[in-house]
Protein backbone atom coordinates (compact mmCIF):
# COMPACT_ATOMS: atom_id res chain seq x y z
CA MET A 1 -0.03 -0.13 -0.54
CA THR A 2 1.30 3.52 -0.49
CA ASP A 3 0.77 6.06 1.70
CA ALA A 4 -2.37 8.04 0.90
CA ILE A 5 -1.62 11.91 1.04
CA THR A 6 -3.60 13.74 -1.66
CA GLU A 7 -1.74 17.39 -0.29
CA PRO A 8 1.33 18.43 -0.17
CA LEU A 9 2.23 19.14 4.08
CA GLN A 10 5.44 20.59 5.49
CA LEU A 11 6.44 20.83 8.88
CA VAL A 12 6.88 24.19 10.91
CA ASP A 13 10.40 24.30 9.30
CA GLY A 14 9.05 23.68 5.60
CA SER A 15 10.84 20.79 5.51
CA SER A 16 8.02 17.03 4.03
CA PRO A 17 7.31 14.63 6.90
CA MET A 18 9.15 11.07 6.39
CA THR A 19 6.34 8.81 4.76
CA SER A 20 5.63 5.78 6.15
CA ASP A 21 7.34 4.05 3.59
CA ALA A 22 10.36 5.72 4.55
CA MET A 23 9.61 4.89 8.66
CA LEU A 24 9.29 1.39 7.97
CA ASP A 25 12.66 1.40 5.53
CA TRP A 26 14.26 3.23 8.80
CA LEU A 27 13.26 1.03 11.80
CA THR A 28 14.87 -2.13 10.22
CA ALA A 29 17.56 -0.58 9.00
CA HIS A 30 18.25 0.17 12.47
CA GLY A 31 17.32 -4.38 13.61
CA TRP A 32 14.16 -3.11 14.23
CA PRO A 33 11.63 -5.81 13.74
CA CYS A 34 8.70 -4.58 12.61
CA PRO A 35 5.70 -6.73 11.39
CA THR A 36 2.91 -4.62 9.75
CA ILE A 37 -0.61 -4.59 8.58
CA ASP A 38 -2.71 -2.80 6.29
CA HIS A 39 -6.38 -2.05 7.40
CA ALA A 40 -9.17 0.17 6.21
CA PRO A 41 -8.58 3.81 7.72
CA MET A 42 -9.57 4.32 12.34
CA TYR A 43 -9.31 7.26 13.74
CA THR A 44 -10.35 6.49 17.00
CA VAL A 45 -9.88 4.05 19.32
CA GLU A 46 -13.56 2.40 18.34
CA ASP A 47 -12.29 1.96 14.95
CA SER A 48 -9.65 0.21 16.44
CA LYS A 49 -11.62 -2.13 18.36
CA ALA A 50 -13.39 -2.78 15.56
CA LEU A 51 -11.55 -3.52 13.08
CA ARG A 52 -8.79 -4.85 15.68
CA VAL A 53 -5.60 -5.86 13.44
CA THR A 54 -4.00 -7.22 16.17
CA PRO A 55 -4.56 -9.40 18.98
CA GLU A 56 -5.98 -8.37 21.92
CA GLY A 57 -3.95 -7.21 25.11
CA GLU A 58 -1.98 -4.48 27.15
CA GLY A 59 -0.51 -3.53 23.92
CA ASP A 60 -3.35 -1.73 21.77
CA ILE A 61 -2.61 2.20 22.46
CA LYS A 62 -4.47 5.62 22.66
CA ASN A 63 -1.86 9.24 21.64
CA LEU A 64 -3.02 12.54 22.59
CA PHE A 65 -1.45 16.05 21.07
CA LEU A 66 -1.04 17.93 23.94
CA ARG A 67 -0.59 21.77 24.42
CA ASN A 68 0.04 24.01 27.35
CA LYS A 69 -1.20 27.79 27.06
CA LYS A 70 2.33 28.87 26.25
CA GLY A 71 2.82 26.48 23.55
CA GLN A 72 4.64 23.91 24.59
CA MET A 73 3.76 20.75 23.48
CA TRP A 74 2.89 16.30 24.70
CA LEU A 75 2.12 13.29 22.96
CA ILE A 76 1.18 10.65 26.07
CA SER A 77 0.55 6.77 25.38
CA CYS A 78 -1.29 5.02 26.75
CA HIS A 79 -3.26 1.63 26.77
CA GLU A 80 -5.83 2.37 24.58
CA ASP A 81 -9.30 1.45 27.64
CA GLN A 82 -7.15 4.27 30.71
CA PRO A 83 -8.93 7.24 31.72
CA ILE A 84 -6.61 10.42 31.64
CA ASP A 85 -7.65 13.10 34.03
CA LEU A 86 -6.27 15.66 31.92
CA LYS A 87 -6.03 18.48 34.12
CA ALA A 88 -4.01 16.13 36.94
CA LEU A 89 -1.66 15.09 34.11
CA ALA A 90 -0.48 18.28 33.06
CA GLY A 91 -0.54 19.10 37.17
CA ALA A 92 2.00 16.39 36.99
CA VAL A 93 4.36 17.65 34.84
CA GLY A 94 3.96 20.91 35.57
CA ALA A 95 2.12 21.63 32.59
CA GLY A 96 -0.17 24.21 33.92
CA ARG A 97 -3.62 23.83 31.77
CA PHE A 98 -3.67 21.64 28.98
CA SER A 99 -5.66 21.72 25.59
CA PHE A 100 -5.87 19.32 22.68
CA CYS A 101 -3.07 20.17 19.34
CA SER A 102 -4.57 22.12 16.71
CA GLU A 103 -4.44 19.63 13.31
CA GLN A 104 -2.20 22.28 12.37
CA ARG A 105 -0.28 22.03 14.97
CA LEU A 106 -0.19 18.02 14.43
CA MET A 107 1.01 18.57 11.22
CA GLN A 108 3.60 20.73 11.51
CA TYR A 109 5.15 19.51 14.66
CA LEU A 110 4.18 15.80 13.91
CA GLY A 111 4.01 15.41 10.44
CA VAL A 112 0.64 13.39 10.20
CA GLN A 113 -3.33 13.65 10.41
CA PRO A 114 -5.89 12.61 12.97
CA GLY A 115 -5.93 9.29 13.60
CA SER A 116 -2.46 8.53 12.48
CA VAL A 117 -0.77 9.86 15.71
CA SER A 118 1.72 7.42 17.42
CA PRO A 119 4.97 8.05 18.94
CA LEU A 120 6.40 6.88 15.51
CA ALA A 121 5.02 10.72 14.82
CA LEU A 122 7.92 11.75 17.07
CA ILE A 123 10.89 10.95 13.73
CA ASN A 124 9.10 14.71 12.92
CA ASP A 125 9.86 16.62 15.12
CA ARG A 126 12.77 17.53 14.51
CA SER A 127 13.74 20.89 16.42
CA GLY A 128 13.00 18.41 19.88
CA VAL A 129 10.18 20.53 21.07
CA VAL A 130 7.56 17.70 21.92
CA GLN A 131 7.99 16.04 25.18
CA PHE A 132 7.42 12.66 25.10
CA LEU A 133 5.22 10.87 28.19
CA ILE A 134 4.41 7.42 28.27
CA ASP A 135 1.97 5.89 30.98
CA SER A 136 4.16 3.49 33.13
CA ALA A 137 1.39 0.38 32.45
CA LEU A 138 2.56 0.22 28.53
CA PHE A 139 5.82 0.90 29.46
CA LYS A 140 5.79 -2.87 30.79
CA THR A 141 3.95 -4.63 27.41
CA PRO A 142 6.46 -7.00 26.21
CA ARG A 143 4.66 -5.09 22.40
CA ILE A 144 3.45 -2.03 21.30
CA TYR A 145 1.34 -1.46 18.19
CA LEU A 146 0.67 1.54 17.15
CA HIS A 147 0.19 3.53 12.89
CA PRO A 148 3.40 4.20 11.16
CA LEU A 149 2.44 7.63 10.23
CA ILE A 150 -0.53 6.62 8.22
CA ASN A 151 -3.46 5.16 9.52
CA THR A 152 -4.74 2.69 7.71
CA ARG A 153 -1.09 0.98 8.73
CA THR A 154 -0.47 -0.88 11.74
CA THR A 155 3.08 -1.90 12.95
CA THR A 156 4.66 -4.43 16.46
CA LEU A 157 7.16 -3.01 18.44
CA SER A 158 8.71 -5.21 21.13
CA THR A 159 8.49 -1.76 24.21
CA GLU A 160 12.47 -2.01 24.22
CA ASP A 161 12.71 -1.53 20.34
CA LEU A 162 10.24 1.77 21.00
CA ILE A 163 12.27 2.59 23.79
CA HIS A 164 15.09 2.79 22.18
CA PHE A 165 13.57 4.49 19.11
CA ALA A 166 12.57 7.15 21.41
CA VAL A 167 16.46 7.26 22.83
CA LYS A 168 18.00 7.97 19.36
CA ILE A 169 15.69 10.55 17.62
CA SER A 170 16.28 12.91 20.89
CA HIS A 171 12.90 11.96 23.05
CA PRO A 172 13.41 9.85 25.65
CA PRO A 173 10.10 9.14 27.73
CA ARG A 174 9.09 9.92 31.40
CA VAL A 175 6.99 7.40 32.38
CA VAL A 176 3.77 8.26 34.08
CA THR A 177 1.43 6.38 36.04
CA PHE A 178 -2.36 6.52 36.93
CA SER A 179 -3.47 5.30 40.16
CA PRO A 180 -6.78 6.04 42.31
CA ASN A 181 -4.21 7.77 44.32
CA GLY A 182 -3.70 10.96 40.67
CA VAL A 183 -1.13 11.20 38.78
CA HIS A 184 1.97 10.82 38.55
CA CYS A 185 5.60 12.14 36.38
CA ALA A 186 8.55 11.02 37.29
CA PRO A 187 11.13 13.00 37.40
CA HIS A 188 13.49 12.59 34.56
CA PRO A 189 12.97 10.39 30.89
CA ILE A 190 14.59 7.29 31.01
CA GLN A 191 17.82 6.09 28.44
CA SER A 192 17.53 2.25 27.70
CA MET A 193 15.18 -0.27 28.95
CA PRO A 194 15.57 -1.21 32.87
CA TYR A 195 17.18 -4.28 32.79
CA GLU A 196 19.84 -3.17 29.79
C-alpha cells in the first residue's frame, strides 16, 4: 500500500515529513523488526476496536497530542482504555493546563493527520520541542501496536525497541503512572530499558 497523502504537507521548518514507507525502512535499517498490517482507516479507538487487526492485549494504545498556554507540547501514549484526567496529568508534568493541539499544529510538529498519531511521529519533530510521555502500564508490556505515520497501517514493535527508537531520535520518554491516588510523572526521562 502506498501512502495516501492527497495534499502537500509541510513541517514547521518547511521540510516534508517522513512517509510511512520511509519510516518502516528506517526502523528495519536500525535492526528493529516492525511487522506491519494494512487495513481500512482507523481514526479513533472505537475504529481500532471495531477493526481489530492485532491480538487483544495491553499493547493497543491511544495517543494524545497536548499543549499548554505557553505553546509547549506533549505526546502521551497509554493503553487504549486508560482514562486520562487532563487536569491531573498537566499538574503532574508541570504544564499548567492542557488543551488538545490543532490539526495544523499536529501537521507542523508531528507530520501526521488526525487518526495517525503515534510515538513514531516524533521522528518528524526535528527540533525536539515535543515531550514524550508513556504510561507505566504500557511501558511494562512486551509489544506495542501503533500507526507508522498513517492510519491505514498498524505496526508491531517491542516496547524495548520503541524506547530505543525514542532515545535515538532525542525524545526519551518520561514514565507517567495513573493510579487511584492521582497521576505521577517520573522526574527524568528514561534513556534505556531498566533491565539493560
